[in-house]
C-alpha atoms as a PDB file:
ATOM      1  CA  MET A   1     147.741 -46.369 110.988  1.00  0.00           C
ATOM      2  CA  THR A   2     145.607 -47.873 113.741  1.00  0.00           C
ATOM      3  CA  ARG A   3     147.933 -49.352 116.337  1.00  0.00           C
ATOM      4  CA  ILE A   4     145.730 -50.124 119.374  1.00  0.00           C
ATOM      5  CA  SER A   5     142.295 -51.716 119.447  1.00  0.00           C
ATOM      6  CA  ALA A   6     139.938 -50.556 122.184  1.00  0.00           C
ATOM      7  CA  THR A   7     136.922 -52.727 122.986  1.00  0.00           C
ATOM      8  CA  LEU A   8     134.330 -50.820 124.996  1.00  0.00           C
ATOM      9  CA  PHE A   9     131.719 -52.793 126.916  1.00  0.00           C
ATOM     10  CA  ASN A  10     128.741 -50.554 127.467  1.00  0.00           C
ATOM     11  CA  ASP A  11     124.939 -50.344 127.688  1.00  0.00           C
ATOM     12  CA  PRO A  12     122.764 -47.286 126.969  1.00  0.00           C
ATOM     13  CA  GLY A  13     120.906 -47.830 130.257  1.00  0.00           C
ATOM     14  CA  CYS A  14     123.946 -47.634 132.544  1.00  0.00           C
ATOM     15  CA  PRO A  15     124.623 -44.282 134.257  1.00  0.00           C
ATOM     16  CA  TRP A  16     128.268 -45.301 134.854  1.00  0.00           C
ATOM     17  CA  GLY A  17     128.764 -46.046 131.161  1.00  0.00           C
ATOM     18  CA  TYR A  18     127.145 -42.743 130.274  1.00  0.00           C
ATOM     19  CA  SER A  19     129.251 -40.812 132.792  1.00  0.00           C
ATOM     20  CA  ALA A  20     132.465 -42.106 131.178  1.00  0.00           C
ATOM     21  CA  ASN A  21     131.847 -39.994 128.085  1.00  0.00           C
ATOM     22  CA  PRO A  22     134.123 -37.094 129.123  1.00  0.00           C
ATOM     23  CA  ALA A  23     137.068 -39.454 129.564  1.00  0.00           C
ATOM     24  CA  LEU A  24     136.297 -41.200 126.264  1.00  0.00           C
ATOM     25  CA  ARG A  25     136.254 -37.815 124.447  1.00  0.00           C
ATOM     26  CA  VAL A  26     139.665 -37.039 125.918  1.00  0.00           C
ATOM     27  CA  LEU A  27     141.068 -40.315 124.525  1.00  0.00           C
ATOM     28  CA  GLU A  28     139.593 -39.497 121.132  1.00  0.00           C
ATOM     29  CA  TRP A  29     141.045 -36.008 121.236  1.00  0.00           C
ATOM     30  CA  ARG A  30     144.533 -37.176 122.206  1.00  0.00           C
ATOM     31  CA  TYR A  31     144.890 -40.240 119.989  1.00  0.00           C
ATOM     32  CA  GLY A  32     142.282 -39.999 117.229  1.00  0.00           C
ATOM     33  CA  ALA A  33     142.335 -42.770 114.651  1.00  0.00           C
ATOM     34  CA  GLN A  34     145.316 -44.460 116.340  1.00  0.00           C
ATOM     35  CA  LEU A  35     142.714 -46.154 118.579  1.00  0.00           C
ATOM     36  CA  GLU A  36     140.297 -48.448 116.788  1.00  0.00           C
ATOM     37  CA  TRP A  37     137.099 -48.579 118.839  1.00  0.00           C
ATOM     38  CA  ARG A  38     134.754 -51.575 119.007  1.00  0.00           C
ATOM     39  CA  LEU A  39     131.519 -51.287 120.949  1.00  0.00           C
ATOM     40  CA  VAL A  40     130.195 -54.446 122.632  1.00  0.00           C
ATOM     41  CA  LEU A  41     126.684 -54.261 124.099  1.00  0.00           C
ATOM     42  CA  ILE A  42     126.292 -55.675 127.587  1.00  0.00           C
ATOM     43  CA  GLY A  43     122.577 -56.247 127.626  1.00  0.00           C
ATOM     44  CA  LEU A  44     122.010 -55.344 131.263  1.00  0.00           C
ATOM     45  CA  ALA A  45     118.376 -56.369 131.427  1.00  0.00           C
ATOM     46  CA  GLU A  46     116.281 -58.506 129.122  1.00  0.00           C
ATOM     47  CA  SER A  47     113.211 -57.713 131.177  1.00  0.00           C
ATOM     48  CA  PRO A  48     112.256 -54.989 133.654  1.00  0.00           C
ATOM     49  CA  GLN A  49     111.728 -57.765 136.191  1.00  0.00           C
ATOM     50  CA  LEU A  50     115.468 -57.910 136.853  1.00  0.00           C
ATOM     51  CA  TYR A  51     115.313 -54.420 138.331  1.00  0.00           C
ATOM     52  CA  LEU A  52     111.945 -54.888 139.956  1.00  0.00           C
ATOM     53  CA  ASP A  53     113.215 -57.922 141.825  1.00  0.00           C
ATOM     54  CA  ARG A  54     115.967 -55.752 143.305  1.00  0.00           C
ATOM     55  CA  GLY A  55     113.426 -53.250 144.561  1.00  0.00           C
ATOM     56  CA  TYR A  56     114.145 -50.550 141.954  1.00  0.00           C
ATOM     57  CA  THR A  57     111.466 -47.916 141.357  1.00  0.00           C
ATOM     58  CA  PRO A  58     111.369 -45.078 138.786  1.00  0.00           C
ATOM     59  CA  LEU A  59     111.721 -42.577 141.618  1.00  0.00           C
ATOM     60  CA  MET A  60     114.746 -44.367 143.096  1.00  0.00           C
ATOM     61  CA  MET A  61     116.474 -44.442 139.724  1.00  0.00           C
ATOM     62  CA  ALA A  62     115.778 -40.768 139.004  1.00  0.00           C
ATOM     63  CA  GLN A  63     117.038 -39.719 142.427  1.00  0.00           C
ATOM     64  CA  GLY A  64     120.135 -41.866 142.018  1.00  0.00           C
ATOM     65  CA  TRP A  65     121.092 -40.079 138.818  1.00  0.00           C
ATOM     66  CA  VAL A  66     121.498 -36.782 140.704  1.00  0.00           C
ATOM     67  CA  GLY A  67     124.780 -38.045 142.185  1.00  0.00           C
ATOM     68  CA  PHE A  68     126.196 -38.777 138.740  1.00  0.00           C
ATOM     69  CA  ARG A  69     126.219 -35.106 137.762  1.00  0.00           C
ATOM     70  CA  ARG A  70     129.666 -34.789 139.324  1.00  0.00           C
ATOM     71  CA  PHE A  71     131.139 -36.678 136.333  1.00  0.00           C
ATOM     72  CA  GLY A  72     130.085 -33.961 133.891  1.00  0.00           C
ATOM     73  CA  MET A  73     127.262 -35.394 131.760  1.00  0.00           C
ATOM     74  CA  PRO A  74     123.783 -33.803 131.593  1.00  0.00           C
ATOM     75  CA  PHE A  75     120.877 -35.296 133.489  1.00  0.00           C
ATOM     76  CA  ALA A  76     117.181 -34.531 133.801  1.00  0.00           C
ATOM     77  CA  PRO A  77     116.256 -36.627 136.837  1.00  0.00           C
ATOM     78  CA  GLU A  78     112.534 -37.115 136.421  1.00  0.00           C
ATOM     79  CA  ALA A  79     110.782 -40.304 137.440  1.00  0.00           C
ATOM     80  CA  LYS A  80     109.769 -42.245 134.358  1.00  0.00           C
ATOM     81  CA  ALA A  81     106.433 -43.958 133.826  1.00  0.00           C
ATOM     82  CA  ARG A  82     107.901 -47.359 134.721  1.00  0.00           C
ATOM     83  CA  ILE A  83     111.113 -49.399 134.919  1.00  0.00           C
ATOM     84  CA  ALA A  84     112.429 -50.401 131.475  1.00  0.00           C
ATOM     85  CA  ALA A  85     114.690 -53.157 130.169  1.00  0.00           C
ATOM     86  CA  THR A  86     117.737 -52.316 128.045  1.00  0.00           C
ATOM     87  CA  SER A  87     117.772 -55.264 125.627  1.00  0.00           C
ATOM     88  CA  LEU A  88     115.814 -53.624 122.803  1.00  0.00           C
ATOM     89  CA  ALA A  89     117.965 -50.487 122.874  1.00  0.00           C
ATOM     90  CA  CYS A  90     121.100 -52.644 122.793  1.00  0.00           C
ATOM     91  CA  ARG A  91     119.785 -54.511 119.789  1.00  0.00           C
ATOM     92  CA  VAL A  92     119.123 -51.178 118.025  1.00  0.00           C
ATOM     93  CA  VAL A  93     122.791 -50.293 118.447  1.00  0.00           C
ATOM     94  CA  VAL A  94     123.781 -53.719 117.113  1.00  0.00           C
ATOM     95  CA  ALA A  95     121.454 -53.181 114.139  1.00  0.00           C
ATOM     96  CA  ALA A  96     123.248 -49.917 113.406  1.00  0.00           C
ATOM     97  CA  ARG A  97     126.630 -51.680 113.533  1.00  0.00           C
ATOM     98  CA  ILE A  98     125.416 -54.209 110.963  1.00  0.00           C
ATOM     99  CA  ALA A  99     123.650 -51.731 108.653  1.00  0.00           C
ATOM    100  CA  LEU A 100     126.297 -48.999 108.683  1.00  0.00           C
ATOM    101  CA  PRO A 101     129.526 -49.947 110.541  1.00  0.00           C
ATOM    102  CA  GLY A 102     130.703 -47.017 112.609  1.00  0.00           C
ATOM    103  CA  SER A 103     127.250 -45.510 113.114  1.00  0.00           C
ATOM    104  CA  GLU A 104     126.723 -47.610 116.252  1.00  0.00           C
ATOM    105  CA  HIS A 105     128.705 -45.151 118.316  1.00  0.00           C
ATOM    106  CA  ARG A 106     126.443 -42.227 117.367  1.00  0.00           C
ATOM    107  CA  VAL A 107     123.331 -44.321 117.824  1.00  0.00           C
ATOM    108  CA  HIS A 108     124.491 -45.499 121.247  1.00  0.00           C
ATOM    109  CA  ARG A 109     125.182 -41.899 122.336  1.00  0.00           C
ATOM    110  CA  ALA A 110     121.724 -40.749 121.172  1.00  0.00           C
ATOM    111  CA  LEU A 111     120.093 -43.498 123.220  1.00  0.00           C
ATOM    112  CA  GLN A 112     122.200 -42.608 126.266  1.00  0.00           C
ATOM    113  CA  LEU A 113     121.145 -38.978 126.002  1.00  0.00           C
ATOM    114  CA  ALA A 114     117.521 -39.994 125.645  1.00  0.00           C
ATOM    115  CA  GLN A 115     117.761 -42.314 128.681  1.00  0.00           C
ATOM    116  CA  PHE A 116     119.238 -39.735 131.022  1.00  0.00           C
ATOM    117  CA  THR A 117     117.785 -36.419 129.791  1.00  0.00           C
ATOM    118  CA  SER A 118     114.212 -37.411 128.975  1.00  0.00           C
ATOM    119  CA  THR A 119     111.391 -39.678 130.081  1.00  0.00           C
ATOM    120  CA  ALA A 120     112.019 -42.017 127.144  1.00  0.00           C
ATOM    121  CA  LEU A 121     111.856 -45.771 127.872  1.00  0.00           C
ATOM    122  CA  LEU A 122     114.555 -47.923 126.288  1.00  0.00           C
ATOM    123  CA  ASP A 123     112.174 -50.774 125.607  1.00  0.00           C
ATOM    124  CA  GLU A 124     109.517 -48.677 123.833  1.00  0.00           C
ATOM    125  CA  ALA A 125     109.914 -48.740 120.066  1.00  0.00           C
ATOM    126  CA  ASP A 126     108.322 -45.330 119.535  1.00  0.00           C
ATOM    127  CA  ASP A 127     110.619 -43.722 122.115  1.00  0.00           C
ATOM    128  CA  LEU A 128     113.654 -45.239 120.407  1.00  0.00           C
ATOM    129  CA  ARG A 129     112.573 -44.011 117.014  1.00  0.00           C
ATOM    130  CA  ARG A 130     112.151 -40.497 118.398  1.00  0.00           C
ATOM    131  CA  ALA A 131     115.563 -40.615 120.071  1.00  0.00           C
ATOM    132  CA  LEU A 132     117.196 -41.495 116.735  1.00  0.00           C
ATOM    133  CA  ALA A 133     115.342 -38.936 114.624  1.00  0.00           C
ATOM    134  CA  GLY A 134     118.179 -36.443 114.811  1.00  0.00           C
ATOM    135  CA  VAL A 135     121.059 -38.815 114.172  1.00  0.00           C
ATOM    136  CA  ALA A 136     122.441 -37.978 110.754  1.00  0.00           C
ATOM    137  CA  GLY A 137     122.853 -40.767 108.284  1.00  0.00           C
ATOM    138  CA  VAL A 138     120.799 -43.453 110.002  1.00  0.00           C
ATOM    139  CA  ASP A 139     117.253 -44.674 109.503  1.00  0.00           C
ATOM    140  CA  GLY A 140     115.964 -44.945 113.065  1.00  0.00           C
ATOM    141  CA  ALA A 141     112.723 -46.638 112.092  1.00  0.00           C
ATOM    142  CA  ALA A 142     114.604 -49.311 110.122  1.00  0.00           C
ATOM    143  CA  LEU A 143     117.024 -49.911 112.986  1.00  0.00           C
ATOM    144  CA  VAL A 144     114.171 -50.367 115.458  1.00  0.00           C
ATOM    145  CA  ALA A 145     112.412 -52.713 113.096  1.00  0.00           C
ATOM    146  CA  ALA A 146     115.603 -54.786 112.707  1.00  0.00           C
ATOM    147  CA  ALA A 147     116.058 -54.887 116.471  1.00  0.00           C
ATOM    148  CA  LEU A 148     112.528 -56.239 116.874  1.00  0.00           C
ATOM    149  CA  ASP A 149     112.488 -58.756 114.032  1.00  0.00           C
ATOM    150  CA  SER A 150     115.908 -59.567 112.552  1.00  0.00           C
ATOM    151  CA  PRO A 151     117.425 -62.966 113.450  1.00  0.00           C
ATOM    152  CA  GLU A 152     120.795 -61.627 112.307  1.00  0.00           C
ATOM    153  CA  VAL A 153     120.589 -58.743 114.801  1.00  0.00           C
ATOM    154  CA  ARG A 154     119.444 -61.064 117.595  1.00  0.00           C
ATOM    155  CA  ALA A 155     122.305 -63.477 116.923  1.00  0.00           C
ATOM    156  CA  ALA A 156     124.896 -60.666 116.878  1.00  0.00           C
ATOM    157  CA  TYR A 157     123.471 -59.253 120.103  1.00  0.00           C
ATOM    158  CA  GLU A 158     123.714 -62.640 121.796  1.00  0.00           C
ATOM    159  CA  ARG A 159     127.384 -62.831 120.725  1.00  0.00           C
ATOM    160  CA  ASP A 160     127.941 -59.467 122.397  1.00  0.00           C
ATOM    161  CA  ARG A 161     126.263 -60.699 125.564  1.00  0.00           C
ATOM    162  CA  ALA A 162     128.363 -63.830 125.591  1.00  0.00           C
ATOM    163  CA  GLU A 163     131.592 -61.879 125.086  1.00  0.00           C
ATOM    164  CA  THR A 164     130.654 -59.534 127.915  1.00  0.00           C
ATOM    165  CA  ARG A 165     130.187 -62.498 130.255  1.00  0.00           C
ATOM    166  CA  THR A 166     133.805 -63.692 130.160  1.00  0.00           C
ATOM    167  CA  ALA A 167     135.220 -61.552 132.964  1.00  0.00           C
ATOM    168  CA  ALA A 168     135.952 -64.314 135.491  1.00  0.00           C
ATOM    169  CA  GLY A 169     139.568 -64.292 136.546  1.00  0.00           C
ATOM    170  CA  THR A 170     140.391 -60.965 134.907  1.00  0.00           C
ATOM    171  CA  ALA A 171     142.099 -57.902 136.368  1.00  0.00           C
ATOM    172  CA  GLY A 172     138.674 -56.309 136.814  1.00  0.00           C
ATOM    173  CA  ALA A 173     137.515 -59.271 138.881  1.00  0.00           C
ATOM    174  CA  LEU A 174     140.546 -58.790 141.134  1.00  0.00           C
ATOM    175  CA  GLN A 175     139.564 -55.148 141.610  1.00  0.00           C
ATOM    176  CA  GLY A 176     135.935 -56.004 142.326  1.00  0.00           C
ATOM    177  CA  LYS A 177     134.761 -54.190 139.216  1.00  0.00           C
ATOM    178  CA  THR A 178     132.962 -57.073 137.508  1.00  0.00           C
ATOM    179  CA  ALA A 179     129.357 -58.206 138.196  1.00  0.00           C
ATOM    180  CA  ASN A 180     127.227 -61.315 138.121  1.00  0.00           C
ATOM    181  CA  SER A 181     123.601 -60.432 137.473  1.00  0.00           C
ATOM    182  CA  ASP A 182     122.518 -63.482 135.480  1.00  0.00           C
ATOM    183  CA  GLY A 183     124.761 -66.380 136.407  1.00  0.00           C
ATOM    184  CA  LEU A 184     127.987 -65.452 134.625  1.00  0.00           C
ATOM    185  CA  GLU A 185     130.657 -62.938 135.665  1.00  0.00           C
ATOM    186  CA  ARG A 186     130.576 -60.028 133.257  1.00  0.00           C
ATOM    187  CA  TYR A 187     132.331 -56.811 132.433  1.00  0.00           C
ATOM    188  CA  THR A 188     130.595 -53.770 133.836  1.00  0.00           C
ATOM    189  CA  ALA A 189     129.996 -50.538 131.991  1.00  0.00           C
ATOM    190  CA  PRO A 190     132.222 -48.861 131.018  1.00  0.00           C
ATOM    191  CA  SER A 191     134.996 -51.434 130.642  1.00  0.00           C
ATOM    192  CA  ILE A 192     137.696 -51.010 128.010  1.00  0.00           C
ATOM    193  CA  VAL A 193     140.082 -53.694 126.799  1.00  0.00           C
ATOM    194  CA  PHE A 194     143.141 -52.292 125.017  1.00  0.00           C
ATOM    195  CA  GLU A 195     145.141 -54.645 122.794  1.00  0.00           C
ATOM    196  CA  ARG A 196     148.234 -54.371 120.653  1.00  0.00           C
ATOM    197  CA  ASP A 197     150.429 -57.120 119.166  1.00  0.00           C
ATOM    198  CA  GLY A 198     148.994 -59.783 121.453  1.00  0.00           C
ATOM    199  CA  VAL A 199     149.254 -57.681 124.646  1.00  0.00           C
ATOM    200  CA  ARG A 200     145.929 -57.182 126.380  1.00  0.00           C
ATOM    201  CA  LEU A 201     145.358 -54.663 129.178  1.00  0.00           C
ATOM    202  CA  GLU A 202     142.031 -54.030 130.819  1.00  0.00           C
ATOM    203  CA  ALA A 203     140.438 -51.027 132.504  1.00  0.00           C
ATOM    204  CA  THR A 204     137.256 -52.480 133.989  1.00  0.00           C
ATOM    205  CA  GLY A 205     134.379 -50.389 135.215  1.00  0.00           C
ATOM    206  CA  MET A 206     134.573 -46.671 135.876  1.00  0.00           C
ATOM    207  CA  GLN A 207     138.162 -45.415 135.659  1.00  0.00           C
ATOM    208  CA  PRO A 208     139.770 -41.967 135.575  1.00  0.00           C
ATOM    209  CA  ILE A 209     141.251 -40.718 132.322  1.00  0.00           C
ATOM    210  CA  GLU A 210     144.705 -41.162 133.820  1.00  0.00           C
ATOM    211  CA  ALA A 211     144.210 -44.931 133.985  1.00  0.00           C
ATOM    212  CA  TYR A 212     143.275 -45.136 130.293  1.00  0.00           C
ATOM    213  CA  ASP A 213     146.136 -42.851 129.282  1.00  0.00           C
ATOM    214  CA  VAL A 214     148.751 -44.848 131.154  1.00  0.00           C
ATOM    215  CA  ILE A 215     147.589 -48.029 129.437  1.00  0.00           C
ATOM    216  CA  VAL A 216     147.665 -46.501 125.976  1.00  0.00           C
ATOM    217  CA  ALA A 217     151.047 -44.885 126.469  1.00  0.00           C
ATOM    218  CA  ASN A 218     152.591 -48.146 127.670  1.00  0.00           C
ATOM    219  CA  LEU A 219     151.130 -50.186 124.831  1.00  0.00           C
ATOM    220  CA  ASP A 220     152.765 -47.903 122.261  1.00  0.00           C
ATOM    221  CA  PRO A 221     155.005 -45.041 123.333  1.00  0.00           C
ATOM    222  CA  THR A 222     155.524 -44.071 119.672  1.00  0.00           C
ATOM    223  CA  LEU A 223     151.924 -42.854 119.239  1.00  0.00           C
ATOM    224  CA  GLN A 224     151.204 -39.272 118.329  1.00  0.00           C
ATOM    225  CA  ARG A 225     149.514 -37.644 121.310  1.00  0.00           C
ATOM    226  CA  ARG A 226     147.685 -34.339 120.746  1.00  0.00           C
ATOM    227  CA  GLY A 227     148.295 -31.890 123.549  1.00  0.00           C
ATOM    228  CA  THR A 228     145.793 -29.979 125.658  1.00  0.00           C
ATOM    229  CA  PRO A 229     144.179 -27.156 123.741  1.00  0.00           C
ATOM    230  CA  SER A 230     144.619 -23.571 124.898  1.00  0.00           C
ATOM    231  CA  SER A 231     142.186 -22.444 127.583  1.00  0.00           C
ATOM    232  CA  ASP A 232     140.666 -19.674 125.483  1.00  0.00           C
ATOM    233  CA  VAL A 233     137.981 -19.234 122.846  1.00  0.00           C
ATOM    234  CA  ALA A 234     140.297 -20.407 120.095  1.00  0.00           C
ATOM    235  CA  GLY A 235     141.070 -23.564 122.023  1.00  0.00           C
ATOM    236  CA  VAL A 236     137.380 -24.303 122.561  1.00  0.00           C
ATOM    237  CA  GLN A 237     136.685 -23.701 118.916  1.00  0.00           C
ATOM    238  CA  SER A 238     139.348 -26.228 117.942  1.00  0.00           C
ATOM    239  CA  VAL A 239     137.757 -28.781 120.244  1.00  0.00           C
ATOM    240  CA  LEU A 240     134.282 -28.345 118.737  1.00  0.00           C
ATOM    241  CA  ALA A 241     135.809 -28.553 115.234  1.00  0.00           C
ATOM    242  CA  ALA A 242     137.139 -32.015 116.121  1.00  0.00           C
ATOM    243  CA  PHE A 243     133.694 -33.214 117.222  1.00  0.00           C
ATOM    244  CA  PRO A 244     131.165 -32.021 114.601  1.00  0.00           C
ATOM    245  CA  ASP A 245     128.293 -33.922 116.247  1.00  0.00           C
ATOM    246  CA  GLY A 246     128.670 -31.707 119.281  1.00  0.00           C
ATOM    247  CA  LEU A 247     129.850 -32.013 122.868  1.00  0.00           C
ATOM    248  CA  VAL A 248     128.305 -31.266 126.246  1.00  0.00           C
ATOM    249  CA  THR A 249     130.014 -28.876 128.605  1.00  0.00           C
ATOM    250  CA  GLY A 250     131.637 -31.568 130.735  1.00  0.00           C
ATOM    251  CA  GLU A 251     133.237 -33.186 127.692  1.00  0.00           C
ATOM    252  CA  VAL A 252     134.724 -29.887 126.552  1.00  0.00           C
ATOM    253  CA  ALA A 253     135.961 -29.202 130.083  1.00  0.00           C
ATOM    254  CA  ALA A 254     137.636 -32.590 130.275  1.00  0.00           C
ATOM    255  CA  ILE A 255     139.504 -32.041 126.999  1.00  0.00           C
ATOM    256  CA  LEU A 256     140.688 -28.628 128.236  1.00  0.00           C
ATOM    257  CA  THR A 257     142.157 -30.165 131.408  1.00  0.00           C
ATOM    258  CA  ALA A 258     145.954 -30.478 131.451  1.00  0.00           C
ATOM    259  CA  GLY A 259     147.677 -33.395 133.157  1.00  0.00           C
ATOM    260  CA  ASN A 260     146.159 -34.341 136.496  1.00  0.00           C
ATOM    261  CA  ASP A 261     144.608 -30.928 137.073  1.00  0.00           C
ATOM    262  CA  ALA A 262     141.015 -30.748 138.349  1.00  0.00           C
ATOM    263  CA  VAL A 263     138.380 -30.289 135.646  1.00  0.00           C
ATOM    264  CA  ASP A 264     137.079 -26.695 135.623  1.00  0.00           C
ATOM    265  CA  ARG A 265     133.625 -26.993 134.157  1.00  0.00           C
ATOM    266  CA  ALA A 266     132.658 -23.388 134.959  1.00  0.00           C
ATOM    267  CA  ALA A 267     135.661 -22.006 133.082  1.00  0.00           C
ATOM    268  CA  ALA A 268     134.849 -24.152 130.042  1.00  0.00           C
ATOM    269  CA  GLU A 269     131.231 -23.055 130.099  1.00  0.00           C
ATOM    270  CA  ARG A 270     132.193 -19.375 130.226  1.00  0.00           C
ATOM    271  CA  LEU A 271     134.338 -19.838 127.081  1.00  0.00           C
ATOM    272  CA  LEU A 272     131.531 -21.734 125.348  1.00  0.00           C
ATOM    273  CA  VAL A 273     129.060 -18.999 126.160  1.00  0.00           C
ATOM    274  CA  GLU A 274     131.482 -16.395 124.837  1.00  0.00           C
ATOM    275  CA  LEU A 275     131.937 -18.401 121.619  1.00  0.00           C
ATOM    276  CA  ALA A 276     128.188 -18.760 121.184  1.00  0.00           C
ATOM    277  CA  SER A 277     127.613 -15.045 121.801  1.00  0.00           C
ATOM    278  CA  THR A 278     129.535 -14.244 118.591  1.00  0.00           C
ATOM    279  CA  GLY A 279     127.625 -16.821 116.525  1.00  0.00           C
ATOM    280  CA  ALA A 280     130.692 -18.991 116.259  1.00  0.00           C
ATOM    281  CA  ALA A 281     128.995 -21.841 118.154  1.00  0.00           C
ATOM    282  CA  THR A 282     125.450 -23.030 118.791  1.00  0.00           C
ATOM    283  CA  ARG A 283     123.929 -24.095 122.103  1.00  0.00           C
ATOM    284  CA  THR A 284     121.120 -26.650 122.260  1.00  0.00           C
ATOM    285  CA  ALA A 285     119.662 -27.138 125.709  1.00  0.00           C
ATOM    286  CA  LEU A 286     119.796 -30.701 127.007  1.00  0.00           C
ATOM    287  CA  GLY A 287     118.781 -31.728 130.523  1.00  0.00           C
ATOM    288  CA  ASP A 288     120.587 -29.479 132.960  1.00  0.00           C
ATOM    289  CA  ASP A 289     123.243 -28.644 130.357  1.00  0.00           C
ATOM    290  CA  ALA A 290     123.570 -28.233 126.589  1.00  0.00           C
ATOM    291  CA  VAL A 291     125.140 -29.604 123.410  1.00  0.00           C
ATOM    292  CA  TRP A 292     127.596 -27.197 121.819  1.00  0.00           C
ATOM    293  CA  GLN A 293     128.479 -27.280 118.118  1.00  0.00           C
ATOM    294  CA  LEU A 294     130.065 -25.196 115.432  1.00  0.00           C
ATOM    295  CA  PRO A 295     127.472 -23.775 113.023  1.00  0.00           C
ATOM    296  CA  ALA A 296     126.640 -26.009 110.095  1.00  0.00           C
END
C-alpha cells in the first residue's frame, strides 16, 4: 500500500534536477511502491531570451556542466548550436502523463539524458522525437505533436507552472533554495514535497540522500526499507534487476552505498565491468559513462 506521496518539481533542462537522479534511485530502491511519485514540470524558460538576457552562451553552459560530474550522472559537455528554452520539452512530458500515466517519468529521463549527453535542443521538435525513439511503450512523435498543438496539454502544463510558483514562505524559501525568475517565487529543481495524512515536509532544491531518507522515515517509521545490496557482482545484478530500463554507473554506486559512507563510483564500475564481461549485463556508452542493463 502506498503510504507517502512524493511530488517532484523538475525540468529536463536543469543540471541540478538531472544530478539528483542517483539519490532518487536510492529512494526507489529502499522504498519502492510505498512512495507514490508525482512529477510536476517547472517550465524554467518559455523562451531562450530568458537565458540570453542573463548573458548565457552555449559555451558557458557546456563548461558549467563539467562541475556537475561530481554528482555521478553522465555528461558530454559540448557547446550546442544555440541556447534553447525548456517549455516544449516540459509539455512533451506532460503529454506523456496524459496519454499514458506513469510514462512521464521515463520520458522525462530520456529528455534529461538527451540534454546533457548530446547536442540536442529541448525546443526542437525533431530533436525531441529522436530522444524519445528508444523509450519503450511511448509514441514520441505523437507526444511532440500534442505538446505543440493540444490545448489540453497546454492547460495541464500551465497548472504545473502555477503549482511550482507557490514557494513563498516555505521551508525552502527559509533555506534560500527557491528562485524568482519570472515574478513569482518558485520551487527549484529538484524539489520534493513528501506528504502523509495531512503532514507535509519539503526538501527544496538539491539535497543529499540523507535528507530525503530522514523525512521519509519520520513520516512513517513502519515502512519496509530495503537494505543496501552486497558489494559484489550478485549485489549489482540485483540492482539492475530492479531497474530494467537501466542505470548509469553513478546511480548503481549510490544504491551500493551504506549509511553515510562516501559513494565509491570506481568500485561500482569495476563490478559492472565484471558482470558485463560474462554477458550477464550490457553496457551502452552514454556521454562520459554508460547505461547498464540486464540482457533482454
